[in-house]
Amino acid sequence: MNQFSILRKINGVAAAIRKIGRGISNLPDYDSYVEHIRQHHPEVVPPTEAEFFNDFLNKKYGASAKRCC
């Protein structure tokens, strides 16, 4: 096993851990979102990962977020 295959395996495990962590913390999956946009809305340019999460957090916690009080 060479160093590149080891790095690929480590990257795969890290990606799986990030996906599980985001699922537990109720964060959306950016990769799935981008894949959906590419398949169903090819004319739309997907936002960067940072823009995607900033938009999500602003909708959830920003000034326009729905709150009970």
PDB file of N, CA and C in Angstrom:
ATOM      1  N   MET A   1       0.853  -1.171   0.000  1.00  0.00           N
ATOM      2  CA  MET A   1       0.000   0.000   0.000  1.00  0.00           C
ATOM      3  C   MET A   1       0.901   1.236   0.000  1.00  0.00           C
ATOM      4  N   ASN A   2       0.688   2.129  -0.965  1.00  0.00           N
ATOM      5  CA  ASN A   2       1.536   3.316  -1.039  1.00  0.00           C
ATOM      6  C   ASN A   2       0.913   4.466  -0.257  1.00  0.00           C
ATOM      7  N   GLN A   3       1.657   5.556  -0.159  1.00  0.00           N
ATOM      8  CA  GLN A   3       1.215   6.684   0.661  1.00  0.00           C
ATOM      9  C   GLN A   3      -0.035   7.358   0.097  1.00  0.00           C
ATOM     10  N   PHE A   4      -0.229   7.335  -1.209  1.00  0.00           N
ATOM     11  CA  PHE A   4      -1.402   7.977  -1.804  1.00  0.00           C
ATOM     12  C   PHE A   4      -2.682   7.207  -1.490  1.00  0.00           C
ATOM     13  N   SER A   5      -2.604   5.889  -1.498  1.00  0.00           N
ATOM     14  CA  SER A   5      -3.800   5.116  -1.167  1.00  0.00           C
ATOM     15  C   SER A   5      -4.147   5.271   0.315  1.00  0.00           C
ATOM     16  N   ILE A   6      -3.140   5.403   1.160  1.00  0.00           N
ATOM     17  CA  ILE A   6      -3.388   5.646   2.590  1.00  0.00           C
ATOM     18  C   ILE A   6      -4.048   7.001   2.776  1.00  0.00           C
ATOM     19  N   LEU A   7      -3.557   8.029   2.082  1.00  0.00           N
ATOM     20  CA  LEU A   7      -4.146   9.367   2.184  1.00  0.00           C
ATOM     21  C   LEU A   7      -5.579   9.387   1.665  1.00  0.00           C
ATOM     22  N   ARG A   8      -5.851   8.644   0.585  1.00  0.00           N
ATOM     23  CA  ARG A   8      -7.215   8.558   0.068  1.00  0.00           C
ATOM     24  C   ARG A   8      -8.150   7.925   1.090  1.00  0.00           C
ATOM     25  N   LYS A   9      -7.680   6.879   1.753  1.00  0.00           N
ATOM     26  CA  LYS A   9      -8.505   6.225   2.773  1.00  0.00           C
ATOM     27  C   LYS A   9      -8.750   7.158   3.956  1.00  0.00           C
ATOM     28  N   ILE A  10      -7.715   7.878   4.371  1.00  0.00           N
ATOM     29  CA  ILE A  10      -7.873   8.830   5.481  1.00  0.00           C
ATOM     30  C   ILE A  10      -8.865   9.924   5.095  1.00  0.00           C
ATOM     31  N   ASN A  11      -8.759  10.439   3.882  1.00  0.00           N
ATOM     32  CA  ASN A  11      -9.695  11.466   3.420  1.00  0.00           C
ATOM     33  C   ASN A  11     -11.121  10.931   3.368  1.00  0.00           C
ATOM     34  N   GLY A  12     -11.283   9.706   2.947  1.00  0.00           N
ATOM     35  CA  GLY A  12     -12.617   9.099   2.901  1.00  0.00           C
ATOM     36  C   GLY A  12     -13.215   8.945   4.288  1.00  0.00           C
ATOM     37  N   VAL A  13     -12.402   8.503   5.233  1.00  0.00           N
ATOM     38  CA  VAL A  13     -12.877   8.352   6.610  1.00  0.00           C
ATOM     39  C   VAL A  13     -13.217   9.725   7.197  1.00  0.00           C
ATOM     40  N   ALA A  14     -12.376  10.716   6.953  1.00  0.00           N
ATOM     41  CA  ALA A  14     -12.632  12.072   7.460  1.00  0.00           C
ATOM     42  C   ALA A  14     -13.921  12.628   6.875  1.00  0.00           C
ATOM     43  N   ALA A  15     -14.164  12.404   5.599  1.00  0.00           N
ATOM     44  CA  ALA A  15     -15.403  12.880   4.969  1.00  0.00           C
ATOM     45  C   ALA A  15     -16.617  12.196   5.585  1.00  0.00           C
ATOM     46  N   ALA A  16     -16.511  10.908   5.856  1.00  0.00           N
ATOM     47  CA  ALA A  16     -17.618  10.184   6.479  1.00  0.00           C
ATOM     48  C   ALA A  16     -17.888  10.712   7.884  1.00  0.00           C
ATOM     49  N   ILE A  17     -16.844  10.998   8.633  1.00  0.00           N
ATOM     50  CA  ILE A  17     -17.009  11.537   9.985  1.00  0.00           C
ATOM     51  C   ILE A  17     -17.651  12.921   9.937  1.00  0.00           C
ATOM     52  N   ARG A  18     -17.230  13.758   8.983  1.00  0.00           N
ATOM     53  CA  ARG A  18     -17.849  15.090   8.834  1.00  0.00           C
ATOM     54  C   ARG A  18     -19.331  14.961   8.506  1.00  0.00           C
ATOM     55  N   LYS A  19     -19.671  14.041   7.615  1.00  0.00           N
ATOM     56  CA  LYS A  19     -21.072  13.856   7.227  1.00  0.00           C
ATOM     57  C   LYS A  19     -21.910  13.392   8.415  1.00  0.00           C
ATOM     58  N   ILE A  20     -21.381  12.470   9.191  1.00  0.00           N
ATOM     59  CA  ILE A  20     -22.093  11.993  10.382  1.00  0.00           C
ATOM     60  C   ILE A  20     -22.246  13.133  11.384  1.00  0.00           C
ATOM     61  N   GLY A  21     -21.189  13.888  11.600  1.00  0.00           N
ATOM     62  CA  GLY A  21     -21.239  15.010  12.534  1.00  0.00           C
ATOM     63  C   GLY A  21     -22.249  16.061  12.120  1.00  0.00           C
ATOM     64  N   ARG A  22     -22.318  16.359  10.846  1.00  0.00           N
ATOM     65  CA  ARG A  22     -23.301  17.330  10.358  1.00  0.00           C
ATOM     66  C   ARG A  22     -24.721  16.793  10.508  1.00  0.00           C
ATOM     67  N   GLY A  23     -24.883  15.512  10.293  1.00  0.00           N
ATOM     68  CA  GLY A  23     -26.204  14.918  10.477  1.00  0.00           C
ATOM     69  C   GLY A  23     -26.652  14.981  11.928  1.00  0.00           C
ATOM     70  N   ILE A  24     -25.741  14.707  12.833  1.00  0.00           N
ATOM     71  CA  ILE A  24     -26.054  14.761  14.262  1.00  0.00           C
ATOM     72  C   ILE A  24     -26.373  16.193  14.682  1.00  0.00           C
ATOM     73  N   SER A  25     -25.628  17.148  14.159  1.00  0.00           N
ATOM     74  CA  SER A  25     -25.825  18.542  14.548  1.00  0.00           C
ATOM     75  C   SER A  25     -26.897  19.240  13.714  1.00  0.00           C
ATOM     76  N   ASN A  26     -27.578  18.492  12.862  1.00  0.00           N
ATOM     77  CA  ASN A  26     -28.677  19.002  12.028  1.00  0.00           C
ATOM     78  C   ASN A  26     -28.223  20.034  10.995  1.00  0.00           C
ATOM     79  N   LEU A  27     -26.989  19.941  10.546  1.00  0.00           N
ATOM     80  CA  LEU A  27     -26.513  20.795   9.463  1.00  0.00           C
ATOM     81  C   LEU A  27     -26.808  20.108   8.132  1.00  0.00           C
ATOM     82  N   PRO A  28     -27.149  20.872   7.110  1.00  0.00           N
ATOM     83  CA  PRO A  28     -27.436  20.262   5.809  1.00  0.00           C
ATOM     84  C   PRO A  28     -26.167  19.717   5.159  1.00  0.00           C
ATOM     85  N   ASP A  29     -26.351  18.786   4.235  1.00  0.00           N
ATOM     86  CA  ASP A  29     -25.236  18.170   3.528  1.00  0.00           C
ATOM     87  C   ASP A  29     -24.969  18.945   2.242  1.00  0.00           C
ATOM     88  N   TYR A  30     -23.860  19.676   2.209  1.00  0.00           N
ATOM     89  CA  TYR A  30     -23.522  20.519   1.069  1.00  0.00           C
ATOM     90  C   TYR A  30     -23.336  19.695  -0.200  1.00  0.00           C
ATOM     91  N   ASP A  31     -22.636  18.570  -0.109  1.00  0.00           N
ATOM     92  CA  ASP A  31     -22.366  17.754  -1.301  1.00  0.00           C
ATOM     93  C   ASP A  31     -23.656  17.252  -1.940  1.00  0.00           C
ATOM     94  N   SER A  32     -24.604  16.827  -1.112  1.00  0.00           N
ATOM     95  CA  SER A  32     -25.899  16.380  -1.644  1.00  0.00           C
ATOM     96  C   SER A  32     -26.649  17.532  -2.289  1.00  0.00           C
ATOM     97  N   TYR A  33     -26.560  18.710  -1.672  1.00  0.00           N
ATOM     98  CA  TYR A  33     -27.210  19.895  -2.216  1.00  0.00           C
ATOM     99  C   TYR A  33     -26.640  20.239  -3.598  1.00  0.00           C
ATOM    100  N   VAL A  34     -25.329  20.249  -3.713  1.00  0.00           N
ATOM    101  CA  VAL A  34     -24.680  20.578  -4.993  1.00  0.00           C
ATOM    102  C   VAL A  34     -25.050  19.548  -6.053  1.00  0.00           C
ATOM    103  N   GLU A  35     -25.074  18.283  -5.683  1.00  0.00           N
ATOM    104  CA  GLU A  35     -25.451  17.236  -6.635  1.00  0.00           C
ATOM    105  C   GLU A  35     -26.895  17.430  -7.104  1.00  0.00           C
ATOM    106  N   HIS A  36     -27.786  17.780  -6.186  1.00  0.00           N
ATOM    107  CA  HIS A  36     -29.176  18.047  -6.549  1.00  0.00           C
ATOM    108  C   HIS A  36     -29.263  19.224  -7.520  1.00  0.00           C
ATOM    109  N   ILE A  37     -28.548  20.293  -7.217  1.00  0.00           N
ATOM    110  CA  ILE A  37     -28.560  21.486  -8.086  1.00  0.00           C
ATOM    111  C   ILE A  37     -28.052  21.116  -9.474  1.00  0.00           C
ATOM    112  N   ARG A  38     -26.983  20.367  -9.554  1.00  0.00           N
ATOM    113  CA  ARG A  38     -26.422  19.990 -10.865  1.00  0.00           C
ATOM    114  C   ARG A  38     -27.373  19.115 -11.674  1.00  0.00           C
ATOM    115  N   GLN A  39     -28.093  18.225 -11.006  1.00  0.00           N
ATOM    116  CA  GLN A  39     -28.993  17.314 -11.715  1.00  0.00           C
ATOM    117  C   GLN A  39     -30.303  17.974 -12.112  1.00  0.00           C
ATOM    118  N   HIS A  40     -30.872  18.777 -11.222  1.00  0.00           N
ATOM    119  CA  HIS A  40     -32.224  19.287 -11.441  1.00  0.00           C
ATOM    120  C   HIS A  40     -32.302  20.757 -11.843  1.00  0.00           C
ATOM    121  N   HIS A  41     -31.245  21.508 -11.601  1.00  0.00           N
ATOM    122  CA  HIS A  41     -31.236  22.941 -11.913  1.00  0.00           C
ATOM    123  C   HIS A  41     -29.884  23.325 -12.533  1.00  0.00           C
ATOM    124  N   PRO A  42     -29.564  22.802 -13.702  1.00  0.00           N
ATOM    125  CA  PRO A  42     -28.228  23.015 -14.275  1.00  0.00           C
ATOM    126  C   PRO A  42     -27.920  24.478 -14.594  1.00  0.00           C
ATOM    127  N   GLU A  43     -28.950  25.316 -14.709  1.00  0.00           N
ATOM    128  CA  GLU A  43     -28.710  26.734 -15.010  1.00  0.00           C
ATOM    129  C   GLU A  43     -28.274  27.521 -13.772  1.00  0.00           C
ATOM    130  N   VAL A  44     -28.445  26.947 -12.592  1.00  0.00           N
ATOM    131  CA  VAL A  44     -28.104  27.632 -11.338  1.00  0.00           C
ATOM    132  C   VAL A  44     -26.663  27.307 -10.951  1.00  0.00           C
ATOM    133  N   VAL A  45     -25.910  28.352 -10.597  1.00  0.00           N
ATOM    134  CA  VAL A  45     -24.546  28.161 -10.111  1.00  0.00           C
ATOM    135  C   VAL A  45     -24.634  27.945  -8.601  1.00  0.00           C
ATOM    136  N   PRO A  46     -24.192  26.793  -8.105  1.00  0.00           N
ATOM    137  CA  PRO A  46     -24.300  26.551  -6.668  1.00  0.00           C
ATOM    138  C   PRO A  46     -23.384  27.487  -5.879  1.00  0.00           C
ATOM    139  N   PRO A  47     -23.805  27.869  -4.678  1.00  0.00           N
ATOM    140  CA  PRO A  47     -22.955  28.727  -3.857  1.00  0.00           C
ATOM    141  C   PRO A  47     -21.735  27.949  -3.360  1.00  0.00           C
ATOM    142  N   THR A  48     -20.748  28.690  -2.895  1.00  0.00           N
ATOM    143  CA  THR A  48     -19.602  28.019  -2.287  1.00  0.00           C
ATOM    144  C   THR A  48     -20.063  27.366  -0.991  1.00  0.00           C
ATOM    145  N   GLU A  49     -19.249  26.494  -0.461  1.00  0.00           N
ATOM    146  CA  GLU A  49     -19.621  25.816   0.781  1.00  0.00           C
ATOM    147  C   GLU A  49     -19.791  26.834   1.912  1.00  0.00           C
ATOM    148  N   ALA A  50     -18.917  27.825   1.979  1.00  0.00           N
ATOM    149  CA  ALA A  50     -19.024  28.855   3.021  1.00  0.00           C
ATOM    150  C   ALA A  50     -20.314  29.655   2.860  1.00  0.00           C
ATOM    151  N   GLU A  51     -20.653  30.034   1.629  1.00  0.00           N
ATOM    152  CA  GLU A  51     -21.894  30.776   1.386  1.00  0.00           C
ATOM    153  C   GLU A  51     -23.117  29.933   1.754  1.00  0.00           C
ATOM    154  N   PHE A  52     -23.074  28.654   1.421  1.00  0.00           N
ATOM    155  CA  PHE A  52     -24.173  27.743   1.721  1.00  0.00           C
ATOM    156  C   PHE A  52     -24.431  27.678   3.227  1.00  0.00           C
ATOM    157  N   PHE A  53     -23.376  27.488   4.011  1.00  0.00           N
ATOM    158  CA  PHE A  53     -23.554  27.374   5.457  1.00  0.00           C
ATOM    159  C   PHE A  53     -23.887  28.716   6.097  1.00  0.00           C
ATOM    160  N   ASN A  54     -23.322  29.810   5.588  1.00  0.00           N
ATOM    161  CA  ASN A  54     -23.689  31.124   6.114  1.00  0.00           C
ATOM    162  C   ASN A  54     -25.167  31.402   5.882  1.00  0.00           C
ATOM    163  N   ASP A  55     -25.664  31.064   4.704  1.00  0.00           N
ATOM    164  CA  ASP A  55     -27.084  31.247   4.403  1.00  0.00           C
ATOM    165  C   ASP A  55     -27.945  30.393   5.334  1.00  0.00           C
ATOM    166  N   PHE A  56     -27.541  29.151   5.538  1.00  0.00           N
ATOM    167  CA  PHE A  56     -28.274  28.263   6.439  1.00  0.00           C
ATOM    168  C   PHE A  56     -28.323  28.839   7.849  1.00  0.00           C
ATOM    169  N   LEU A  57     -27.171  29.287   8.357  1.00  0.00           N
ATOM    170  CA  LEU A  57     -27.121  29.823   9.713  1.00  0.00           C
ATOM    171  C   LEU A  57     -27.908  31.123   9.837  1.00  0.00           C
ATOM    172  N   ASN A  58     -27.863  31.973   8.805  1.00  0.00           N
ATOM    173  CA  ASN A  58     -28.646  33.216   8.838  1.00  0.00           C
ATOM    174  C   ASN A  58     -30.137  32.922   8.847  1.00  0.00           C
ATOM    175  N   LYS A  59     -30.559  31.928   8.085  1.00  0.00           N
ATOM    176  CA  LYS A  59     -31.981  31.568   8.083  1.00  0.00           C
ATOM    177  C   LYS A  59     -32.399  30.987   9.428  1.00  0.00           C
ATOM    178  N   LYS A  60     -31.514  30.245  10.057  1.00  0.00           N
ATOM    179  CA  LYS A  60     -31.848  29.591  11.318  1.00  0.00           C
ATOM    180  C   LYS A  60     -31.742  30.538  12.507  1.00  0.00           C
ATOM    181  N   TYR A  61     -30.696  31.389  12.542  1.00  0.00           N
ATOM    182  CA  TYR A  61     -30.441  32.206  13.718  1.00  0.00           C
ATOM    183  C   TYR A  61     -30.435  33.710  13.453  1.00  0.00           C
ATOM    184  N   GLY A  62     -30.541  34.120  12.189  1.00  0.00           N
ATOM    185  CA  GLY A  62     -30.455  35.533  11.849  1.00  0.00           C
ATOM    186  C   GLY A  62     -31.669  36.341  12.284  1.00  0.00           C
ATOM    187  N   ALA A  63     -31.663  37.611  11.934  1.00  0.00           N
ATOM    188  CA  ALA A  63     -32.733  38.532  12.329  1.00  0.00           C
ATOM    189  C   ALA A  63     -34.087  38.112  11.779  1.00  0.00           C
ATOM    190  N   SER A  64     -34.107  37.468  10.618  1.00  0.00           N
ATOM    191  CA  SER A  64     -35.384  37.080  10.019  1.00  0.00           C
ATOM    192  C   SER A  64     -35.834  35.676  10.449  1.00  0.00           C
ATOM    193  N   ALA A  65     -35.090  35.053  11.336  1.00  0.00           N
ATOM    194  CA  ALA A  65     -35.450  33.703  11.795  1.00  0.00           C
ATOM    195  C   ALA A  65     -36.740  33.746  12.611  1.00  0.00           C
ATOM    196  N   LYS A  66     -37.545  32.718  12.460  1.00  0.00           N
ATOM    197  CA  LYS A  66     -38.804  32.653  13.204  1.00  0.00           C
ATOM    198  C   LYS A  66     -38.527  32.172  14.617  1.00  0.00           C
ATOM    199  N   ARG A  67     -39.027  32.942  15.557  1.00  0.00           N
ATOM    200  CA  ARG A  67     -38.851  32.600  16.976  1.00  0.00           C
ATOM    201  C   ARG A  67     -40.201  32.704  17.670  1.00  0.00           C
ATOM    202  N   CYS A  68     -40.305  32.036  18.781  1.00  0.00           N
ATOM    203  CA  CYS A  68     -41.567  32.068  19.513  1.00  0.00           C
ATOM    204  C   CYS A  68     -41.721  33.372  20.296  1.00  0.00           C
ATOM    205  N   CYS A  69     -40.641  34.022  20.657  1.00  0.00           N
ATOM    206  CA  CYS A  69     -40.728  35.267  21.462  1.00  0.00           C
ATOM    207  C   CYS A  69     -40.082  36.434  20.756  1.00  0.00           C
TER     208      CYS A  69
END
